[in-house]
Amino acid sequence: VAAMGALARVYLSWQRGEDPEHPPWTWPAI
């Protein structure tokens, strides 16, 4: 669940077209 929760946030961020200049390290770390 931890891995899939982090994966979901990365995927949905991409789907919404969010392209932050400095992507957070939190989700990859989790």
PDB file of all heavy atoms in Angstrom:
ATOM      1  N   VAL A   1       0.839  -1.205   0.000  1.00  0.00           N
ATOM      2  CA  VAL A   1       0.000   0.000   0.000  1.00  0.00           C
ATOM      3  C   VAL A   1       0.873   1.254   0.000  1.00  0.00           C
ATOM      4  O   VAL A   1       0.550   2.250  -0.663  1.00  0.00           O
ATOM      5  CB  VAL A   1      -0.965   0.003   1.202  1.00  0.00           C
ATOM      6  CG1 VAL A   1      -1.860   1.238   1.163  1.00  0.00           C
ATOM      7  CG2 VAL A   1      -1.829  -1.240   1.196  1.00  0.00           C
ATOM      8  N   ALA A   2       1.988   1.228   0.719  1.00  0.00           N
ATOM      9  CA  ALA A   2       2.892   2.381   0.721  1.00  0.00           C
ATOM     10  C   ALA A   2       3.437   2.623  -0.684  1.00  0.00           C
ATOM     11  O   ALA A   2       3.453   3.765  -1.178  1.00  0.00           O
ATOM     12  CB  ALA A   2       4.037   2.150   1.706  1.00  0.00           C
ATOM     13  N   ALA A   3       3.895   1.559  -1.340  1.00  0.00           N
ATOM     14  CA  ALA A   3       4.449   1.704  -2.689  1.00  0.00           C
ATOM     15  C   ALA A   3       3.381   2.187  -3.670  1.00  0.00           C
ATOM     16  O   ALA A   3       3.629   3.091  -4.479  1.00  0.00           O
ATOM     17  CB  ALA A   3       5.039   0.375  -3.154  1.00  0.00           C
ATOM     18  N   MET A   4       2.187   1.602  -3.605  1.00  0.00           N
ATOM     19  CA  MET A   4       1.140   1.966  -4.564  1.00  0.00           C
ATOM     20  C   MET A   4       0.581   3.359  -4.280  1.00  0.00           C
ATOM     21  O   MET A   4       0.193   4.082  -5.202  1.00  0.00           O
ATOM     22  CB  MET A   4       0.018   0.933  -4.523  1.00  0.00           C
ATOM     23  CG  MET A   4       0.469  -0.477  -4.890  1.00  0.00           C
ATOM     24  SD  MET A   4       1.321  -0.602  -6.474  1.00  0.00           S
ATOM     25  CE  MET A   4      -0.046  -0.416  -7.596  1.00  0.00           C
ATOM     26  N   GLY A   5       0.576   3.759  -3.016  1.00  0.00           N
ATOM     27  CA  GLY A   5       0.128   5.121  -2.703  1.00  0.00           C
ATOM     28  C   GLY A   5       1.071   6.164  -3.271  1.00  0.00           C
ATOM     29  O   GLY A   5       0.630   7.186  -3.818  1.00  0.00           O
ATOM     30  N   ALA A   6       2.377   5.919  -3.149  1.00  0.00           N
ATOM     31  CA  ALA A   6       3.349   6.846  -3.732  1.00  0.00           C
ATOM     32  C   ALA A   6       3.276   6.817  -5.254  1.00  0.00           C
ATOM     33  O   ALA A   6       3.332   7.869  -5.910  1.00  0.00           O
ATOM     34  CB  ALA A   6       4.755   6.468  -3.266  1.00  0.00           C
ATOM     35  N   LEU A   7       3.142   5.622  -5.830  1.00  0.00           N
ATOM     36  CA  LEU A   7       3.030   5.496  -7.285  1.00  0.00           C
ATOM     37  C   LEU A   7       1.797   6.220  -7.802  1.00  0.00           C
ATOM     38  O   LEU A   7       1.841   6.885  -8.855  1.00  0.00           O
ATOM     39  CB  LEU A   7       2.967   4.012  -7.652  1.00  0.00           C
ATOM     40  CG  LEU A   7       3.149   3.647  -9.134  1.00  0.00           C
ATOM     41  CD1 LEU A   7       4.570   3.953  -9.587  1.00  0.00           C
ATOM     42  CD2 LEU A   7       2.827   2.166  -9.353  1.00  0.00           C
ATOM     43  N   ALA A   8       0.692   6.121  -7.075  1.00  0.00           N
ATOM     44  CA  ALA A   8      -0.544   6.790  -7.489  1.00  0.00           C
ATOM     45  C   ALA A   8      -0.367   8.304  -7.524  1.00  0.00           C
ATOM     46  O   ALA A   8      -0.835   8.972  -8.464  1.00  0.00           O
ATOM     47  CB  ALA A   8      -1.677   6.416  -6.533  1.00  0.00           C
ATOM     48  N   ARG A   9       0.298   8.858  -6.530  1.00  0.00           N
ATOM     49  CA  ARG A   9       0.468  10.305  -6.504  1.00  0.00           C
ATOM     50  C   ARG A   9       1.340  10.796  -7.665  1.00  0.00           C
ATOM     51  O   ARG A   9       1.067  11.834  -8.263  1.00  0.00           O
ATOM     52  CB  ARG A   9       1.071  10.722  -5.162  1.00  0.00           C
ATOM     53  CG  ARG A   9       0.022  10.795  -4.068  1.00  0.00           C
ATOM     54  CD  ARG A   9       0.624  10.868  -2.680  1.00  0.00           C
ATOM     55  NE  ARG A   9      -0.407  11.230  -1.711  1.00  0.00           N
ATOM     56  CZ  ARG A   9      -1.357  10.416  -1.268  1.00  0.00           C
ATOM     57  NH1 ARG A   9      -1.394   9.171  -1.710  1.00  0.00           N
ATOM     58  NH2 ARG A   9      -2.271  10.831  -0.405  1.00  0.00           N
ATOM     59  N   VAL A  10       2.368  10.020  -7.986  1.00  0.00           N
ATOM     60  CA  VAL A  10       3.205  10.395  -9.123  1.00  0.00           C
ATOM     61  C   VAL A  10       2.399  10.317 -10.420  1.00  0.00           C
ATOM     62  O   VAL A  10       2.445  11.226 -11.260  1.00  0.00           O
ATOM     63  CB  VAL A  10       4.442   9.473  -9.190  1.00  0.00           C
ATOM     64  CG1 VAL A  10       5.223   9.700 -10.474  1.00  0.00           C
ATOM     65  CG2 VAL A  10       5.344   9.713  -7.983  1.00  0.00           C
ATOM     66  N   TYR A  11       1.641   9.264 -10.588  1.00  0.00           N
ATOM     67  CA  TYR A  11       0.866   9.066 -11.819  1.00  0.00           C
ATOM     68  C   TYR A  11      -0.222  10.133 -11.979  1.00  0.00           C
ATOM     69  O   TYR A  11      -0.380  10.715 -13.064  1.00  0.00           O
ATOM     70  CB  TYR A  11       0.236   7.674 -11.804  1.00  0.00           C
ATOM     71  CG  TYR A  11      -0.671   7.404 -12.979  1.00  0.00           C
ATOM     72  CD1 TYR A  11      -0.142   7.165 -14.246  1.00  0.00           C
ATOM     73  CD2 TYR A  11      -2.059   7.402 -12.834  1.00  0.00           C
ATOM     74  CE1 TYR A  11      -0.972   6.919 -15.334  1.00  0.00           C
ATOM     75  CE2 TYR A  11      -2.896   7.154 -13.909  1.00  0.00           C
ATOM     76  CZ  TYR A  11      -2.345   6.913 -15.157  1.00  0.00           C
ATOM     77  OH  TYR A  11      -3.174   6.681 -16.231  1.00  0.00           O
ATOM     78  N   LEU A  12      -0.967  10.392 -10.907  1.00  0.00           N
ATOM     79  CA  LEU A  12      -2.058  11.369 -11.003  1.00  0.00           C
ATOM     80  C   LEU A  12      -1.518  12.778 -11.201  1.00  0.00           C
ATOM     81  O   LEU A  12      -2.150  13.603 -11.883  1.00  0.00           O
ATOM     82  CB  LEU A  12      -2.930  11.303  -9.746  1.00  0.00           C
ATOM     83  CG  LEU A  12      -3.703   9.989  -9.564  1.00  0.00           C
ATOM     84  CD1 LEU A  12      -4.450   9.992  -8.245  1.00  0.00           C
ATOM     85  CD2 LEU A  12      -4.658   9.756 -10.723  1.00  0.00           C
ATOM     86  N   SER A  13      -0.363  13.067 -10.626  1.00  0.00           N
ATOM     87  CA  SER A  13       0.270  14.363 -10.865  1.00  0.00           C
ATOM     88  C   SER A  13       0.598  14.534 -12.350  1.00  0.00           C
ATOM     89  O   SER A  13       0.377  15.604 -12.936  1.00  0.00           O
ATOM     90  CB  SER A  13       1.531  14.482 -10.009  1.00  0.00           C
ATOM     91  OG  SER A  13       2.255  15.641 -10.326  1.00  0.00           O
ATOM     92  N   TRP A  14       1.100  13.481 -12.958  1.00  0.00           N
ATOM     93  CA  TRP A  14       1.406  13.523 -14.398  1.00  0.00           C
ATOM     94  C   TRP A  14       0.117  13.646 -15.216  1.00  0.00           C
ATOM     95  O   TRP A  14       0.057  14.422 -16.184  1.00  0.00           O
ATOM     96  CB  TRP A  14       2.158  12.258 -14.779  1.00  0.00           C
ATOM     97  CG  TRP A  14       2.396  12.094 -16.240  1.00  0.00           C
ATOM     98  CD1 TRP A  14       3.305  12.762 -17.014  1.00  0.00           C
ATOM     99  CD2 TRP A  14       1.703  11.198 -17.120  1.00  0.00           C
ATOM    100  NE1 TRP A  14       3.220  12.340 -18.322  1.00  0.00           N
ATOM    101  CE2 TRP A  14       2.248  11.370 -18.418  1.00  0.00           C
ATOM    102  CE3 TRP A  14       0.694  10.251 -16.944  1.00  0.00           C
ATOM    103  CZ2 TRP A  14       1.793  10.644 -19.517  1.00  0.00           C
ATOM    104  CZ3 TRP A  14       0.247   9.534 -18.034  1.00  0.00           C
ATOM    105  CH2 TRP A  14       0.797   9.724 -19.304  1.00  0.00           C
ATOM    106  N   GLN A  15      -0.922  12.942 -14.829  1.00  0.00           N
ATOM    107  CA  GLN A  15      -2.185  12.995 -15.553  1.00  0.00           C
ATOM    108  C   GLN A  15      -2.806  14.388 -15.491  1.00  0.00           C
ATOM    109  O   GLN A  15      -3.451  14.834 -16.451  1.00  0.00           O
ATOM    110  CB  GLN A  15      -3.170  11.966 -14.973  1.00  0.00           C
ATOM    111  CG  GLN A  15      -2.963  10.546 -15.456  1.00  0.00           C
ATOM    112  CD  GLN A  15      -3.539  10.326 -16.839  1.00  0.00           C
ATOM    113  OE1 GLN A  15      -3.973  11.259 -17.514  1.00  0.00           O
ATOM    114  NE2 GLN A  15      -3.535   9.080 -17.304  1.00  0.00           N
ATOM    115  N   ARG A  16      -2.612  15.076 -14.382  1.00  0.00           N
ATOM    116  CA  ARG A  16      -3.173  16.429 -14.252  1.00  0.00           C
ATOM    117  C   ARG A  16      -2.307  17.486 -14.926  1.00  0.00           C
ATOM    118  O   ARG A  16      -2.628  18.665 -14.888  1.00  0.00           O
ATOM    119  CB  ARG A  16      -3.343  16.767 -12.763  1.00  0.00           C
ATOM    120  CG  ARG A  16      -4.446  15.989 -12.067  1.00  0.00           C
ATOM    121  CD  ARG A  16      -4.759  16.560 -10.698  1.00  0.00           C
ATOM    122  NE  ARG A  16      -3.682  16.336  -9.754  1.00  0.00           N
ATOM    123  CZ  ARG A  16      -3.632  15.327  -8.882  1.00  0.00           C
ATOM    124  NH1 ARG A  16      -4.608  14.434  -8.867  1.00  0.00           N
ATOM    125  NH2 ARG A  16      -2.633  15.202  -8.043  1.00  0.00           N
ATOM    126  N   GLY A  17      -1.209  17.064 -15.507  1.00  0.00           N
ATOM    127  CA  GLY A  17      -0.356  18.001 -16.226  1.00  0.00           C
ATOM    128  C   GLY A  17       0.544  18.811 -15.335  1.00  0.00           C
ATOM    129  O   GLY A  17       1.117  19.818 -15.776  1.00  0.00           O
ATOM    130  N   GLU A  18       0.707  18.397 -14.095  1.00  0.00           N
ATOM    131  CA  GLU A  18       1.580  19.122 -13.179  1.00  0.00           C
ATOM    132  C   GLU A  18       3.035  18.812 -13.527  1.00  0.00           C
ATOM    133  O   GLU A  18       3.411  17.648 -13.660  1.00  0.00           O
ATOM    134  CB  GLU A  18       1.278  18.715 -11.734  1.00  0.00           C
ATOM    135  CG  GLU A  18      -0.146  19.055 -11.297  1.00  0.00           C
ATOM    136  CD  GLU A  18      -0.452  18.516  -9.916  1.00  0.00           C
ATOM    137  OE1 GLU A  18       0.455  17.888  -9.309  1.00  0.00           O
ATOM    138  OE2 GLU A  18      -1.595  18.696  -9.445  1.00  0.00           O
ATOM    139  N   ASP A  19       3.832  19.818 -13.667  1.00  0.00           N
ATOM    140  CA  ASP A  19       5.238  19.639 -14.038  1.00  0.00           C
ATOM    141  C   ASP A  19       6.093  20.552 -13.177  1.00  0.00           C
ATOM    142  O   ASP A  19       6.626  21.573 -13.638  1.00  0.00           O
ATOM    143  CB  ASP A  19       5.436  19.951 -15.521  1.00  0.00           C
ATOM    144  CG  ASP A  19       6.830  19.548 -16.004  1.00  0.00           C
ATOM    145  OD1 ASP A  19       7.488  18.768 -15.286  1.00  0.00           O
ATOM    146  OD2 ASP A  19       7.241  20.013 -17.078  1.00  0.00           O
ATOM    147  N   PRO A  20       6.242  20.206 -11.886  1.00  0.00           N
ATOM    148  CA  PRO A  20       6.999  21.078 -10.986  1.00  0.00           C
ATOM    149  C   PRO A  20       8.462  21.167 -11.389  1.00  0.00           C
ATOM    150  O   PRO A  20       9.042  20.214 -11.914  1.00  0.00           O
ATOM    151  CB  PRO A  20       6.828  20.398  -9.620  1.00  0.00           C
ATOM    152  CG  PRO A  20       6.541  18.970  -9.951  1.00  0.00           C
ATOM    153  CD  PRO A  20       5.764  18.995 -11.230  1.00  0.00           C
ATOM    154  N   GLU A  21       9.026  22.333 -11.141  1.00  0.00           N
ATOM    155  CA  GLU A  21      10.424  22.538 -11.501  1.00  0.00           C
ATOM    156  C   GLU A  21      11.345  21.640 -10.687  1.00  0.00           C
ATOM    157  O   GLU A  21      12.351  21.133 -11.191  1.00  0.00           O
ATOM    158  CB  GLU A  21      10.786  24.012 -11.273  1.00  0.00           C
ATOM    159  CG  GLU A  21      12.203  24.367 -11.719  1.00  0.00           C
ATOM    160  CD  GLU A  21      12.495  25.840 -11.553  1.00  0.00           C
ATOM    161  OE1 GLU A  21      11.530  26.614 -11.317  1.00  0.00           O
ATOM    162  OE2 GLU A  21      13.670  26.229 -11.657  1.00  0.00           O
ATOM    163  N   HIS A  22      10.984  21.420  -9.443  1.00  0.00           N
ATOM    164  CA  HIS A  22      11.762  20.534  -8.575  1.00  0.00           C
ATOM    165  C   HIS A  22      10.818  19.469  -8.002  1.00  0.00           C
ATOM    166  O   HIS A  22      10.201  19.681  -6.951  1.00  0.00           O
ATOM    167  CB  HIS A  22      12.414  21.322  -7.433  1.00  0.00           C
ATOM    168  CG  HIS A  22      13.357  22.389  -7.906  1.00  0.00           C
ATOM    169  ND1 HIS A  22      14.576  22.109  -8.484  1.00  0.00           N
ATOM    170  CD2 HIS A  22      13.239  23.758  -7.905  1.00  0.00           C
ATOM    171  CE1 HIS A  22      15.183  23.233  -8.810  1.00  0.00           C
ATOM    172  NE2 HIS A  22      14.393  24.257  -8.477  1.00  0.00           N
ATOM    173  N   PRO A  23      10.658  18.340  -8.696  1.00  0.00           N
ATOM    174  CA  PRO A  23       9.759  17.281  -8.216  1.00  0.00           C
ATOM    175  C   PRO A  23      10.150  16.825  -6.817  1.00  0.00           C
ATOM    176  O   PRO A  23      11.346  16.743  -6.498  1.00  0.00           O
ATOM    177  CB  PRO A  23       9.954  16.158  -9.244  1.00  0.00           C
ATOM    178  CG  PRO A  23      10.528  16.834 -10.447  1.00  0.00           C
ATOM    179  CD  PRO A  23      11.335  17.982  -9.940  1.00  0.00           C
ATOM    180  N   PRO A  24       9.174  16.566  -5.963  1.00  0.00           N
ATOM    181  CA  PRO A  24       9.494  16.175  -4.577  1.00  0.00           C
ATOM    182  C   PRO A  24      10.194  14.812  -4.519  1.00  0.00           C
ATOM    183  O   PRO A  24       9.955  13.930  -5.340  1.00  0.00           O
ATOM    184  CB  PRO A  24       8.108  16.106  -3.911  1.00  0.00           C
ATOM    185  CG  PRO A  24       7.159  15.855  -5.036  1.00  0.00           C
ATOM    186  CD  PRO A  24       7.727  16.577  -6.223  1.00  0.00           C
ATOM    187  N   TRP A  25      11.045  14.685  -3.523  1.00  0.00           N
ATOM    188  CA  TRP A  25      11.732  13.412  -3.284  1.00  0.00           C
ATOM    189  C   TRP A  25      10.909  12.485  -2.391  1.00  0.00           C
ATOM    190  O   TRP A  25      11.213  11.292  -2.276  1.00  0.00           O
ATOM    191  CB  TRP A  25      13.083  13.666  -2.622  1.00  0.00           C
ATOM    192  CG  TRP A  25      14.155  14.064  -3.582  1.00  0.00           C
ATOM    193  CD1 TRP A  25      14.475  15.328  -3.982  1.00  0.00           C
ATOM    194  CD2 TRP A  25      15.050  13.189  -4.274  1.00  0.00           C
ATOM    195  NE1 TRP A  25      15.512  15.306  -4.883  1.00  0.00           N
ATOM    196  CE2 TRP A  25      15.888  14.000  -5.078  1.00  0.00           C
ATOM    197  CE3 TRP A  25      15.227  11.809  -4.297  1.00  0.00           C
ATOM    198  CZ2 TRP A  25      16.878  13.471  -5.887  1.00  0.00           C
ATOM    199  CZ3 TRP A  25      16.223  11.271  -5.095  1.00  0.00           C
ATOM    200  CH2 TRP A  25      17.036  12.098  -5.887  1.00  0.00           C
ATOM    201  N   THR A  26       9.877  13.025  -1.744  1.00  0.00           N
ATOM    202  CA  THR A  26       9.130  12.241  -0.755  1.00  0.00           C
ATOM    203  C   THR A  26       8.518  10.990  -1.361  1.00  0.00           C
ATOM    204  O   THR A  26       8.670   9.878  -0.835  1.00  0.00           O
ATOM    205  CB  THR A  26       8.028  13.103  -0.126  1.00  0.00           C
ATOM    206  OG1 THR A  26       8.601  14.301   0.390  1.00  0.00           O
ATOM    207  CG2 THR A  26       7.328  12.347   0.990  1.00  0.00           C
ATOM    208  N   TRP A  27       7.792  11.149  -2.471  1.00  0.00           N
ATOM    209  CA  TRP A  27       7.114  10.004  -3.074  1.00  0.00           C
ATOM    210  C   TRP A  27       8.099   8.955  -3.572  1.00  0.00           C
ATOM    211  O   TRP A  27       7.908   7.764  -3.296  1.00  0.00           O
ATOM    212  CB  TRP A  27       6.176  10.464  -4.183  1.00  0.00           C
ATOM    213  CG  TRP A  27       5.111  11.397  -3.708  1.00  0.00           C
ATOM    214  CD1 TRP A  27       4.642  11.529  -2.424  1.00  0.00           C
ATOM    215  CD2 TRP A  27       4.387  12.350  -4.486  1.00  0.00           C
ATOM    216  NE1 TRP A  27       3.676  12.491  -2.363  1.00  0.00           N
ATOM    217  CE2 TRP A  27       3.494  13.024  -3.615  1.00  0.00           C
ATOM    218  CE3 TRP A  27       4.408  12.718  -5.837  1.00  0.00           C
ATOM    219  CZ2 TRP A  27       2.629  14.010  -4.054  1.00  0.00           C
ATOM    220  CZ3 TRP A  27       3.534  13.699  -6.282  1.00  0.00           C
ATOM    221  CH2 TRP A  27       2.661  14.345  -5.396  1.00  0.00           C
ATOM    222  N   PRO A  28       9.167   9.319  -4.297  1.00  0.00           N
ATOM    223  CA  PRO A  28      10.142   8.295  -4.674  1.00  0.00           C
ATOM    224  C   PRO A  28      10.776   7.602  -3.466  1.00  0.00           C
ATOM    225  O   PRO A  28      11.017   6.388  -3.500  1.00  0.00           O
ATOM    226  CB  PRO A  28      11.190   9.074  -5.482  1.00  0.00           C
ATOM    227  CG  PRO A  28      10.448  10.252  -6.015  1.00  0.00           C
ATOM    228  CD  PRO A  28       9.469  10.619  -4.938  1.00  0.00           C
ATOM    229  N   ALA A  29      11.050   8.363  -2.405  1.00  0.00           N
ATOM    230  CA  ALA A  29      11.669   7.758  -1.210  1.00  0.00           C
ATOM    231  C   ALA A  29      10.745   6.710  -0.598  1.00  0.00           C
ATOM    232  O   ALA A  29      11.175   5.613  -0.226  1.00  0.00           O
ATOM    233  CB  ALA A  29      12.009   8.842  -0.187  1.00  0.00           C
ATOM    234  N   ILE A  30       9.459   7.047  -0.486  1.00  0.00           N
ATOM    235  CA  ILE A  30       8.492   6.087   0.052  1.00  0.00           C
ATOM    236  C   ILE A  30       8.397   4.866  -0.854  1.00  0.00           C
ATOM    237  O   ILE A  30       8.391   3.711  -0.390  1.00  0.00           O
ATOM    238  CB  ILE A  30       7.109   6.752   0.222  1.00  0.00           C
ATOM    239  CG1 ILE A  30       7.172   7.843   1.297  1.00  0.00           C
ATOM    240  CG2 ILE A  30       6.042   5.719   0.563  1.00  0.00           C
ATOM    241  CD1 ILE A  30       5.905   8.669   1.406  1.00  0.00           C
TER     242      ILE A  30
END
